[in-house]
Amino acid sequence: MAGVLLLVAGCNSGNSAQVRQVPIQQNWELQPGVAVGEHRIAGGLGDISIEMSGDRVYAPFDGQLEANDVDGCYVFSSPEVPAYLFRLCGLRSPKLGRVKRGTHIGSADFLQFAALRRQPDGNWTMVEPANEVLQRVLSPQDIRVGGGEG
């Protein structure tokens, strides 16, 4: 079980800061502060928050970008990974519809990225996104995972 320290300070200027240990049972590789390419992860465990500073976001596979029922969020799906959906929140000027891998699909100051996996009952659950998928979302490079031709 991994532990995370959380500093809790009051609004006054006194030196009464407390340190609170918060145990988290789920330990993901992509933790706040870790860099993916040139972008720093700002949050994790669920949606991954990525500091983008207005940079472009790219389609990780050939697929489709659609509006989501969560305001300000979009869902990317691909027949290449049919058991997964990728939710992108904070995307500006999204290019909705069918897109090719590596296509610029929008930009963001902060991108909230979530990988969702279809369960046997048809519901979706959040899973940790693969670093390779995030690399594809953050870079226009045509990166082939699993030894394919580039």
Foldseek 3Di string as FASTA:
>chain_A
DDKDKDWDDDPDPDPPIDIDIDDDPDDDPQAAQDDQVNWTFHHDDFWTKIAFQFAFWWAQAFFFWADDPPPQKIWTADPVQHQKIKIKGQFPPADGTTDHQLHGGGTGRMITIWIWGQDPVRDIDTDDDDSSSVNSGRGSDPDDPPPDDD
